[in-house]
Amino acid sequence: MSIVIDIVLVVVFAALGRASHTEALDVAGISRTALPFVAGTLIAWIALTLRKSSGSSLPAGAFVWALTLIGGMLFRVLLGDGTAVAFIIVAAVTLALFLLGWRLILWLVQRRTSATQR
């Protein structure tokens, strides 16, 4: 389930980016923007699966975030798309909020639940 959340959030990131630049929000456009980052996410998840990680921990989230960002930027370069410094910064912050944010919320809920059950 964690992989699905990550991929959905990466696609949301791409859609938000396109919307902020008043680009078309059609399936083809969002797919073209999201694909490099989804590829980075999938590479991270292959590694997590090989390590038998559930992927829902904060360290796993940091790993997914890093590979999504780095992989996404590398794939964008290979596709001939831009990687301006401002874009890298915005992508890094937004993807961190998305990919680490839901894991942080999950950790806080689990922590609170375990504390109330004592």
N, C-alpha and C. Protein backbone atom coordinates (compact mmCIF):
# COMPACT_ATOMS: atom_id res chain seq x y z
N MET A 1 0.82 -1.19 0.00
CA MET A 1 0.00 0.00 0.00
C MET A 1 0.86 1.26 0.00
N SER A 2 2.02 1.23 0.66
CA SER A 2 2.90 2.40 0.73
C SER A 2 3.37 2.84 -0.65
N ILE A 3 3.67 1.88 -1.51
CA ILE A 3 4.12 2.22 -2.86
C ILE A 3 3.03 2.97 -3.63
N VAL A 4 1.79 2.57 -3.42
CA VAL A 4 0.67 3.23 -4.10
C VAL A 4 0.56 4.69 -3.63
N ILE A 5 0.67 4.88 -2.32
CA ILE A 5 0.62 6.25 -1.77
C ILE A 5 1.73 7.10 -2.38
N ASP A 6 2.95 6.54 -2.42
CA ASP A 6 4.08 7.29 -2.98
C ASP A 6 3.84 7.65 -4.44
N ILE A 7 3.40 6.71 -5.24
CA ILE A 7 3.20 6.98 -6.67
C ILE A 7 2.09 8.01 -6.87
N VAL A 8 1.00 7.87 -6.12
CA VAL A 8 -0.09 8.85 -6.23
C VAL A 8 0.42 10.25 -5.87
N LEU A 9 1.21 10.35 -4.82
CA LEU A 9 1.73 11.66 -4.41
C LEU A 9 2.71 12.23 -5.43
N VAL A 10 3.48 11.39 -6.08
CA VAL A 10 4.38 11.86 -7.12
C VAL A 10 3.57 12.39 -8.32
N VAL A 11 2.50 11.71 -8.66
CA VAL A 11 1.64 12.18 -9.75
C VAL A 11 0.96 13.50 -9.35
N VAL A 12 0.53 13.61 -8.09
CA VAL A 12 -0.05 14.86 -7.61
C VAL A 12 0.99 15.98 -7.70
N PHE A 13 2.22 15.70 -7.32
CA PHE A 13 3.31 16.66 -7.45
C PHE A 13 3.43 17.15 -8.89
N ALA A 14 3.41 16.23 -9.84
CA ALA A 14 3.52 16.59 -11.25
C ALA A 14 2.33 17.44 -11.70
N ALA A 15 1.15 17.06 -11.28
CA ALA A 15 -0.06 17.80 -11.66
C ALA A 15 -0.03 19.21 -11.07
N LEU A 16 0.39 19.33 -9.82
CA LEU A 16 0.49 20.65 -9.19
C LEU A 16 1.52 21.53 -9.91
N GLY A 17 2.61 20.92 -10.29
CA GLY A 17 3.64 21.67 -11.02
C GLY A 17 3.11 22.16 -12.36
N ARG A 18 2.41 21.30 -13.07
CA ARG A 18 1.84 21.71 -14.36
C ARG A 18 0.80 22.80 -14.15
N ALA A 19 -0.02 22.66 -13.13
CA ALA A 19 -1.05 23.67 -12.86
C ALA A 19 -0.42 25.02 -12.51
N SER A 20 0.66 24.99 -11.76
CA SER A 20 1.31 26.25 -11.36
C SER A 20 1.92 26.98 -12.55
N HIS A 21 2.16 26.26 -13.63
CA HIS A 21 2.71 26.86 -14.85
C HIS A 21 1.64 26.96 -15.94
N THR A 22 0.40 26.81 -15.54
CA THR A 22 -0.76 26.85 -16.44
C THR A 22 -0.58 25.96 -17.67
N GLU A 23 -0.01 24.78 -17.44
CA GLU A 23 0.11 23.78 -18.50
C GLU A 23 -1.12 22.88 -18.45
N ALA A 24 -1.38 22.22 -19.54
CA ALA A 24 -2.56 21.35 -19.65
C ALA A 24 -2.51 20.26 -18.59
N LEU A 25 -3.65 20.00 -17.99
CA LEU A 25 -3.77 18.95 -16.97
C LEU A 25 -4.40 17.70 -17.56
N ASP A 26 -4.02 17.37 -18.78
CA ASP A 26 -4.52 16.15 -19.41
C ASP A 26 -3.62 14.98 -19.03
N VAL A 27 -4.10 13.78 -19.31
CA VAL A 27 -3.37 12.57 -18.92
C VAL A 27 -1.98 12.53 -19.56
N ALA A 28 -1.89 12.89 -20.83
CA ALA A 28 -0.60 12.84 -21.52
C ALA A 28 0.41 13.81 -20.89
N GLY A 29 -0.03 15.01 -20.61
CA GLY A 29 0.87 16.00 -20.03
C GLY A 29 1.33 15.64 -18.63
N ILE A 30 0.38 15.22 -17.80
CA ILE A 30 0.74 14.83 -16.44
C ILE A 30 1.65 13.61 -16.47
N SER A 31 1.36 12.66 -17.35
CA SER A 31 2.20 11.47 -17.46
C SER A 31 3.62 11.83 -17.87
N ARG A 32 3.76 12.71 -18.83
CA ARG A 32 5.09 13.12 -19.31
C ARG A 32 5.89 13.80 -18.19
N THR A 33 5.21 14.61 -17.39
CA THR A 33 5.88 15.30 -16.28
C THR A 33 6.20 14.33 -15.14
N ALA A 34 5.27 13.44 -14.84
CA ALA A 34 5.43 12.53 -13.70
C ALA A 34 6.39 11.37 -13.98
N LEU A 35 6.46 10.91 -15.22
CA LEU A 35 7.20 9.69 -15.55
C LEU A 35 8.62 9.63 -15.00
N PRO A 36 9.45 10.67 -15.16
CA PRO A 36 10.81 10.57 -14.61
C PRO A 36 10.84 10.36 -13.10
N PHE A 37 9.92 11.00 -12.40
CA PHE A 37 9.88 10.89 -10.95
C PHE A 37 9.26 9.55 -10.50
N VAL A 38 8.28 9.09 -11.24
CA VAL A 38 7.71 7.77 -10.95
C VAL A 38 8.79 6.70 -11.15
N ALA A 39 9.60 6.85 -12.18
CA ALA A 39 10.69 5.90 -12.42
C ALA A 39 11.66 5.89 -11.24
N GLY A 40 12.01 7.07 -10.73
CA GLY A 40 12.88 7.15 -9.55
C GLY A 40 12.24 6.49 -8.35
N THR A 41 10.94 6.71 -8.18
CA THR A 41 10.21 6.08 -7.07
C THR A 41 10.22 4.56 -7.19
N LEU A 42 10.00 4.06 -8.39
CA LEU A 42 9.99 2.61 -8.60
C LEU A 42 11.37 1.99 -8.34
N ILE A 43 12.42 2.69 -8.72
CA ILE A 43 13.77 2.19 -8.43
C ILE A 43 13.97 2.10 -6.91
N ALA A 44 13.53 3.12 -6.19
CA ALA A 44 13.63 3.07 -4.73
C ALA A 44 12.85 1.90 -4.17
N TRP A 45 11.66 1.68 -4.69
CA TRP A 45 10.82 0.59 -4.19
C TRP A 45 11.37 -0.79 -4.54
N ILE A 46 12.06 -0.92 -5.66
CA ILE A 46 12.72 -2.19 -5.97
C ILE A 46 13.77 -2.47 -4.90
N ALA A 47 14.56 -1.45 -4.55
CA ALA A 47 15.58 -1.62 -3.51
C ALA A 47 14.95 -1.93 -2.16
N LEU A 48 13.86 -1.24 -1.81
CA LEU A 48 13.19 -1.52 -0.53
C LEU A 48 12.63 -2.93 -0.49
N THR A 49 12.09 -3.37 -1.60
CA THR A 49 11.53 -4.73 -1.68
C THR A 49 12.64 -5.77 -1.52
N LEU A 50 13.77 -5.52 -2.15
CA LEU A 50 14.90 -6.45 -2.00
C LEU A 50 15.40 -6.49 -0.56
N ARG A 51 15.28 -5.37 0.15
CA ARG A 51 15.68 -5.32 1.56
C ARG A 51 14.55 -5.78 2.48
N LYS A 52 13.41 -6.15 1.90
CA LYS A 52 12.24 -6.62 2.64
C LYS A 52 11.72 -5.57 3.62
N SER A 53 11.72 -4.31 3.17
CA SER A 53 11.24 -3.20 3.98
C SER A 53 9.78 -2.94 3.65
N SER A 54 9.01 -2.59 4.67
CA SER A 54 7.60 -2.25 4.43
C SER A 54 7.48 -0.92 3.70
N GLY A 55 8.49 -0.09 3.82
CA GLY A 55 8.50 1.19 3.14
C GLY A 55 7.74 2.29 3.85
N SER A 56 7.16 2.01 4.99
CA SER A 56 6.34 3.02 5.65
C SER A 56 7.09 3.78 6.75
N SER A 57 8.32 3.43 7.00
CA SER A 57 9.09 4.12 8.05
C SER A 57 9.66 5.43 7.52
N LEU A 58 10.05 6.30 8.43
CA LEU A 58 10.67 7.56 8.04
C LEU A 58 12.00 7.35 7.30
N PRO A 59 12.87 6.43 7.76
CA PRO A 59 14.09 6.21 6.98
C PRO A 59 13.81 5.69 5.56
N ALA A 60 12.81 4.83 5.43
CA ALA A 60 12.43 4.36 4.10
C ALA A 60 11.91 5.53 3.27
N GLY A 61 11.16 6.42 3.90
CA GLY A 61 10.66 7.60 3.20
C GLY A 61 11.77 8.50 2.72
N ALA A 62 12.79 8.66 3.55
CA ALA A 62 13.94 9.48 3.15
C ALA A 62 14.65 8.85 1.95
N PHE A 63 14.74 7.53 1.96
CA PHE A 63 15.35 6.81 0.84
C PHE A 63 14.53 6.99 -0.43
N VAL A 64 13.21 6.81 -0.32
CA VAL A 64 12.33 6.97 -1.48
C VAL A 64 12.41 8.41 -1.99
N TRP A 65 12.39 9.37 -1.06
CA TRP A 65 12.48 10.79 -1.45
C TRP A 65 13.77 11.05 -2.24
N ALA A 66 14.90 10.59 -1.71
CA ALA A 66 16.19 10.85 -2.36
C ALA A 66 16.25 10.23 -3.75
N LEU A 67 15.83 8.98 -3.88
CA LEU A 67 15.89 8.34 -5.18
C LEU A 67 14.85 8.90 -6.14
N THR A 68 13.71 9.30 -5.63
CA THR A 68 12.70 9.93 -6.49
C THR A 68 13.24 11.25 -7.04
N LEU A 69 13.83 12.05 -6.18
CA LEU A 69 14.36 13.34 -6.61
C LEU A 69 15.55 13.18 -7.56
N ILE A 70 16.53 12.41 -7.14
CA ILE A 70 17.74 12.24 -7.97
C ILE A 70 17.41 11.53 -9.27
N GLY A 71 16.67 10.43 -9.16
CA GLY A 71 16.27 9.70 -10.37
C GLY A 71 15.43 10.55 -11.29
N GLY A 72 14.48 11.27 -10.71
CA GLY A 72 13.63 12.13 -11.52
C GLY A 72 14.42 13.17 -12.29
N MET A 73 15.37 13.79 -11.63
CA MET A 73 16.18 14.81 -12.30
C MET A 73 17.08 14.19 -13.37
N LEU A 74 17.66 13.04 -13.07
CA LEU A 74 18.51 12.38 -14.07
C LEU A 74 17.69 11.96 -15.28
N PHE A 75 16.52 11.39 -15.06
CA PHE A 75 15.68 10.99 -16.18
C PHE A 75 15.21 12.21 -16.97
N ARG A 76 14.94 13.33 -16.29
CA ARG A 76 14.55 14.56 -17.00
C ARG A 76 15.69 15.02 -17.93
N VAL A 77 16.92 14.93 -17.45
CA VAL A 77 18.06 15.31 -18.29
C VAL A 77 18.13 14.39 -19.51
N LEU A 78 17.96 13.09 -19.28
CA LEU A 78 18.01 12.14 -20.39
C LEU A 78 16.91 12.38 -21.41
N LEU A 79 15.77 12.88 -20.95
CA LEU A 79 14.65 13.18 -21.85
C LEU A 79 14.75 14.56 -22.48
N GLY A 80 15.78 15.33 -22.10
CA GLY A 80 15.97 16.66 -22.66
C GLY A 80 15.14 17.74 -21.98
N ASP A 81 14.65 17.46 -20.78
CA ASP A 81 13.86 18.44 -20.04
C ASP A 81 14.77 19.21 -19.08
N GLY A 82 14.25 20.33 -18.58
CA GLY A 82 15.05 21.21 -17.75
C GLY A 82 15.19 20.76 -16.31
N THR A 83 16.29 21.18 -15.71
CA THR A 83 16.55 20.94 -14.28
C THR A 83 17.15 22.19 -13.66
N ALA A 84 16.46 23.30 -13.82
CA ALA A 84 16.94 24.56 -13.24
C ALA A 84 17.04 24.43 -11.73
N VAL A 85 17.95 25.16 -11.14
CA VAL A 85 18.18 25.10 -9.69
C VAL A 85 16.89 25.36 -8.91
N ALA A 86 16.14 26.36 -9.33
CA ALA A 86 14.89 26.68 -8.63
C ALA A 86 13.93 25.49 -8.69
N PHE A 87 13.87 24.81 -9.83
CA PHE A 87 13.00 23.64 -9.97
C PHE A 87 13.46 22.51 -9.05
N ILE A 88 14.76 22.30 -8.98
CA ILE A 88 15.29 21.23 -8.11
C ILE A 88 14.93 21.53 -6.65
N ILE A 89 15.05 22.78 -6.24
CA ILE A 89 14.73 23.15 -4.86
C ILE A 89 13.25 22.94 -4.58
N VAL A 90 12.40 23.43 -5.47
CA VAL A 90 10.95 23.27 -5.28
C VAL A 90 10.57 21.79 -5.28
N ALA A 91 11.14 21.03 -6.20
CA ALA A 91 10.84 19.60 -6.26
C ALA A 91 11.31 18.90 -4.99
N ALA A 92 12.50 19.25 -4.51
CA ALA A 92 13.04 18.62 -3.30
C ALA A 92 12.13 18.88 -2.10
N VAL A 93 11.72 20.12 -1.94
CA VAL A 93 10.87 20.48 -0.79
C VAL A 93 9.49 19.84 -0.91
N THR A 94 8.88 19.94 -2.08
CA THR A 94 7.53 19.40 -2.26
C THR A 94 7.53 17.88 -2.11
N LEU A 95 8.47 17.21 -2.75
CA LEU A 95 8.53 15.75 -2.63
C LEU A 95 8.84 15.33 -1.19
N ALA A 96 9.66 16.09 -0.48
CA ALA A 96 9.93 15.77 0.93
C ALA A 96 8.65 15.89 1.75
N LEU A 97 7.91 16.97 1.53
CA LEU A 97 6.63 17.14 2.25
C LEU A 97 5.69 15.97 1.96
N PHE A 98 5.60 15.58 0.72
CA PHE A 98 4.68 14.51 0.34
C PHE A 98 5.18 13.14 0.81
N LEU A 99 6.42 12.79 0.47
CA LEU A 99 6.90 11.42 0.71
C LEU A 99 7.31 11.18 2.17
N LEU A 100 7.71 12.21 2.85
CA LEU A 100 8.01 12.07 4.28
C LEU A 100 6.81 12.44 5.14
N GLY A 101 5.98 13.34 4.65
CA GLY A 101 4.85 13.83 5.42
C GLY A 101 3.87 12.75 5.84
N TRP A 102 3.45 11.91 4.90
CA TRP A 102 2.48 10.88 5.28
C TRP A 102 3.09 9.86 6.22
N ARG A 103 4.38 9.62 6.09
CA ARG A 103 5.06 8.69 7.00
C ARG A 103 5.18 9.28 8.40
N LEU A 104 5.43 10.58 8.47
CA LEU A 104 5.50 11.25 9.77
C LEU A 104 4.14 11.21 10.46
N ILE A 105 3.09 11.47 9.72
CA ILE A 105 1.74 11.39 10.29
C ILE A 105 1.45 9.97 10.78
N LEU A 106 1.80 8.97 9.98
CA LEU A 106 1.60 7.58 10.39
C LEU A 106 2.38 7.27 11.66
N TRP A 107 3.63 7.71 11.74
CA TRP A 107 4.46 7.47 12.92
C TRP A 107 3.85 8.13 14.16
N LEU A 108 3.38 9.38 14.00
CA LEU A 108 2.76 10.08 15.13
C LEU A 108 1.49 9.38 15.60
N VAL A 109 0.67 8.92 14.67
CA VAL A 109 -0.56 8.20 15.03
C VAL A 109 -0.22 6.89 15.74
N GLN A 110 0.75 6.15 15.20
CA GLN A 110 1.15 4.89 15.84
C GLN A 110 1.73 5.12 17.22
N ARG A 111 2.52 6.16 17.35
CA ARG A 111 3.11 6.49 18.65
C ARG A 111 2.04 6.85 19.66
N ARG A 112 1.09 7.66 19.23
CA ARG A 112 0.00 8.06 20.13
C ARG A 112 -0.87 6.87 20.50
N THR A 113 -1.16 6.02 19.52
CA THR A 113 -1.98 4.84 19.77
C THR A 113 -1.30 3.92 20.78
N SER A 114 0.00 3.71 20.61
CA SER A 114 0.71 2.82 21.53
C SER A 114 0.79 3.43 22.93
N ALA A 115 0.90 4.76 23.01
CA ALA A 115 0.97 5.43 24.31
C ALA A 115 -0.37 5.34 25.04
N THR A 116 -1.47 5.42 24.32
CA THR A 116 -2.79 5.36 24.96
C THR A 116 -3.16 3.94 25.33
N GLN A 117 -2.52 2.95 24.75
CA GLN A 117 -2.82 1.56 25.07
C GLN A 117 -2.04 1.05 26.27
N ARG A 118 -1.14 1.85 26.78
CA ARG A 118 -0.34 1.44 27.94
C ARG A 118 -1.09 1.58 29.21
